[in-house]
C-alpha atoms as a PDB file:
ATOM      1  CA  UNK A   1      -6.224  33.838  -8.111  1.00  0.00           C
ATOM      2  CA  UNK A   2      -8.497  32.636  -5.676  1.00  0.00           C
ATOM      3  CA  UNK A   3      -9.723  29.719  -5.593  1.00  0.00           C
ATOM      4  CA  UNK A   4     -13.205  28.082  -5.332  1.00  0.00           C
ATOM      5  CA  UNK A   5     -13.832  25.913  -2.333  1.00  0.00           C
ATOM      6  CA  UNK A   6     -17.138  23.662  -2.739  1.00  0.00           C
ATOM      7  CA  UNK A   7     -18.632  20.626  -0.551  1.00  0.00           C
ATOM      8  CA  UNK A   8     -20.269  17.720  -1.025  1.00  0.00           C
ATOM      9  CA  UNK A   9     -22.501  15.971   1.251  1.00  0.00           C
ATOM     10  CA  UNK A  10     -24.740  12.540   1.786  1.00  0.00           C
ATOM     11  CA  UNK A  11     -26.822  12.094   4.953  1.00  0.00           C
ATOM     12  CA  UNK A  12     -27.670   7.687   5.877  1.00  0.00           C
ATOM     13  CA  UNK A  13     -25.535   6.557   3.117  1.00  0.00           C
ATOM     14  CA  UNK A  14     -26.151   2.589   3.387  1.00  0.00           C
ATOM     15  CA  UNK A  15     -24.739  -0.646   1.394  1.00  0.00           C
ATOM     16  CA  UNK A  16     -26.026   0.967  -1.894  1.00  0.00           C
ATOM     17  CA  UNK A  17     -23.049   2.948  -3.729  1.00  0.00           C
ATOM     18  CA  UNK A  18     -23.606   6.371  -3.275  1.00  0.00           C
ATOM     19  CA  UNK A  19     -22.025   9.005  -5.615  1.00  0.00           C
ATOM     20  CA  UNK A  20     -20.566  11.812  -3.173  1.00  0.00           C
ATOM     21  CA  UNK A  21     -19.540  13.595  -6.343  1.00  0.00           C
ATOM     22  CA  UNK A  22     -18.541  14.226  -9.759  1.00  0.00           C
ATOM     23  CA  UNK A  23     -16.105  16.222 -10.614  1.00  0.00           C
ATOM     24  CA  UNK A  24     -16.379  18.474 -13.838  1.00  0.00           C
ATOM     25  CA  UNK A  25     -13.232  20.042 -13.652  1.00  0.00           C
ATOM     26  CA  UNK A  26      -9.804  19.562 -12.651  1.00  0.00           C
ATOM     27  CA  UNK A  27     -10.590  19.394  -8.641  1.00  0.00           C
ATOM     28  CA  UNK A  28      -8.614  18.622  -5.916  1.00  0.00           C
ATOM     29  CA  UNK A  29     -10.283  16.360  -3.315  1.00  0.00           C
ATOM     30  CA  UNK A  30      -8.918  17.790   0.204  1.00  0.00           C
ATOM     31  CA  UNK A  31     -10.821  16.610   2.905  1.00  0.00           C
ATOM     32  CA  UNK A  32     -13.118  13.515   3.346  1.00  0.00           C
ATOM     33  CA  UNK A  33     -15.062  12.983   6.892  1.00  0.00           C
ATOM     34  CA  UNK A  34     -16.924   9.484   7.587  1.00  0.00           C
ATOM     35  CA  UNK A  35     -19.334   9.792  10.424  1.00  0.00           C
ATOM     36  CA  UNK A  36     -20.958   6.593  11.823  1.00  0.00           C
ATOM     37  CA  UNK A  37     -24.457   7.491  12.391  1.00  0.00           C
ATOM     38  CA  UNK A  38     -25.510   3.499  13.499  1.00  0.00           C
ATOM     39  CA  UNK A  39     -25.929   1.866  16.685  1.00  0.00           C
ATOM     40  CA  UNK A  40     -23.042  -0.057  16.311  1.00  0.00           C
ATOM     41  CA  UNK A  41     -19.637  -0.529  14.572  1.00  0.00           C
ATOM     42  CA  UNK A  42     -19.971  -0.319  10.448  1.00  0.00           C
ATOM     43  CA  UNK A  43     -17.264  -0.836   7.374  1.00  0.00           C
ATOM     44  CA  UNK A  44     -17.010   1.468   4.862  1.00  0.00           C
ATOM     45  CA  UNK A  45     -15.155   1.900   1.692  1.00  0.00           C
ATOM     46  CA  UNK A  46     -14.663   5.102  -0.439  1.00  0.00           C
ATOM     47  CA  UNK A  47     -13.584   4.622  -4.116  1.00  0.00           C
ATOM     48  CA  UNK A  48     -13.587   6.651  -7.587  1.00  0.00           C
ATOM     49  CA  UNK A  49     -15.179   5.185 -10.742  1.00  0.00           C
ATOM     50  CA  UNK A  50     -13.147   6.060 -13.632  1.00  0.00           C
ATOM     51  CA  UNK A  51     -14.189   5.012 -16.936  1.00  0.00           C
ATOM     52  CA  UNK A  52     -16.278   2.170 -15.830  1.00  0.00           C
ATOM     53  CA  UNK A  53     -13.311   0.824 -13.229  1.00  0.00           C
ATOM     54  CA  UNK A  54     -13.470   1.369  -9.425  1.00  0.00           C
ATOM     55  CA  UNK A  55     -10.372   2.464  -7.924  1.00  0.00           C
ATOM     56  CA  UNK A  56     -10.547   2.211  -3.621  1.00  0.00           C
ATOM     57  CA  UNK A  57      -9.357   5.178  -1.320  1.00  0.00           C
ATOM     58  CA  UNK A  58     -10.126   2.452   1.338  1.00  0.00           C
ATOM     59  CA  UNK A  59     -12.130  -0.787   1.895  1.00  0.00           C
ATOM     60  CA  UNK A  60     -13.664  -2.057   4.175  1.00  0.00           C
ATOM     61  CA  UNK A  61     -12.788   0.116   6.691  1.00  0.00           C
ATOM     62  CA  UNK A  62     -14.272  -0.202  10.555  1.00  0.00           C
ATOM     63  CA  UNK A  63     -15.832   2.843  12.051  1.00  0.00           C
ATOM     64  CA  UNK A  64     -16.758   2.016  15.399  1.00  0.00           C
ATOM     65  CA  UNK A  65     -20.288   3.324  17.187  1.00  0.00           C
ATOM     66  CA  UNK A  66     -19.644   7.358  17.772  1.00  0.00           C
ATOM     67  CA  UNK A  67     -16.458   7.715  15.929  1.00  0.00           C
ATOM     68  CA  UNK A  68     -15.468   9.087  12.402  1.00  0.00           C
ATOM     69  CA  UNK A  69     -13.011   8.565  10.688  1.00  0.00           C
ATOM     70  CA  UNK A  70     -11.051  10.809   7.943  1.00  0.00           C
ATOM     71  CA  UNK A  71      -9.982   9.620   4.761  1.00  0.00           C
ATOM     72  CA  UNK A  72      -6.899  12.485   3.837  1.00  0.00           C
ATOM     73  CA  UNK A  73      -4.756  13.992   6.768  1.00  0.00           C
ATOM     74  CA  UNK A  74      -1.706  15.339   7.015  1.00  0.00           C
ATOM     75  CA  UNK A  75      -2.449  17.296   4.029  1.00  0.00           C
ATOM     76  CA  UNK A  76      -2.615  14.592   1.787  1.00  0.00           C
ATOM     77  CA  UNK A  77      -4.996  15.579  -1.476  1.00  0.00           C
ATOM     78  CA  UNK A  78      -6.505  13.690  -4.654  1.00  0.00           C
ATOM     79  CA  UNK A  79      -6.863  14.875  -7.496  1.00  0.00           C
ATOM     80  CA  UNK A  80      -9.549  14.105  -9.672  1.00  0.00           C
ATOM     81  CA  UNK A  81      -9.989  14.630 -13.715  1.00  0.00           C
ATOM     82  CA  UNK A  82     -13.402  15.377 -15.287  1.00  0.00           C
ATOM     83  CA  UNK A  83     -16.020  12.588 -15.242  1.00  0.00           C
ATOM     84  CA  UNK A  84     -14.194  11.127 -11.550  1.00  0.00           C
ATOM     85  CA  UNK A  85     -17.089  10.104  -9.570  1.00  0.00           C
ATOM     86  CA  UNK A  86     -16.287   9.570  -5.558  1.00  0.00           C
ATOM     87  CA  UNK A  87     -18.638   7.039  -4.539  1.00  0.00           C
ATOM     88  CA  UNK A  88     -19.208   5.692  -0.788  1.00  0.00           C
ATOM     89  CA  UNK A  89     -20.797   2.912   0.570  1.00  0.00           C
ATOM     90  CA  UNK A  90     -20.964   0.950   4.038  1.00  0.00           C
ATOM     91  CA  UNK A  91     -22.044  -2.410   5.290  1.00  0.00           C
ATOM     92  CA  UNK A  92     -24.801  -1.438   7.167  1.00  0.00           C
ATOM     93  CA  UNK A  93     -27.988   0.388   6.026  1.00  0.00           C
ATOM     94  CA  UNK A  94     -28.624   3.971   6.624  1.00  0.00           C
ATOM     95  CA  UNK A  95     -24.563   4.019   8.889  1.00  0.00           C
ATOM     96  CA  UNK A  96     -22.503   7.189   7.437  1.00  0.00           C
ATOM     97  CA  UNK A  97     -22.968  10.693   6.933  1.00  0.00           C
ATOM     98  CA  UNK A  98     -20.254  11.781   4.331  1.00  0.00           C
ATOM     99  CA  UNK A  99     -18.765  15.273   3.662  1.00  0.00           C
ATOM    100  CA  UNK A 100     -16.194  16.365   1.530  1.00  0.00           C
ATOM    101  CA  UNK A 101     -14.292  19.434   0.850  1.00  0.00           C
ATOM    102  CA  UNK A 102     -12.967  19.927  -2.700  1.00  0.00           C
ATOM    103  CA  UNK A 103     -10.974  23.238  -4.226  1.00  0.00           C
ATOM    104  CA  UNK A 104     -12.684  23.311  -7.389  1.00  0.00           C
ATOM    105  CA  UNK A 105     -11.381  24.134 -11.005  1.00  0.00           C
ATOM    106  CA  UNK A 106      -7.746  23.968 -10.130  1.00  0.00           C
ATOM    107  CA  UNK A 107      -5.520  26.761 -11.681  1.00  0.00           C
ATOM    108  CA  UNK A 108      -2.981  25.558 -14.182  1.00  0.00           C
END
């Protein structure tokens, strides 16, 4: 059975947490890239809200000016279940672009 590859993106994320995607089935996050688009270093957090509680994938990670951070590498994956919301927040206004790759509706 073929898998359905999807992407979720956000531009100029800042100091308010932005929901990148909310899972509507059993999904797998296979990639997450955070690009610093600001003129100086920033720090970024990525977390998942599950039933009102936040679970961090990474917290206050520094990203130098002109650089990017990949949260997943080496074949790592994060499994999401229906209702899980992936969010990103920076310490600086309008400072990070986000690109998230997901395999939608993983078959059992």
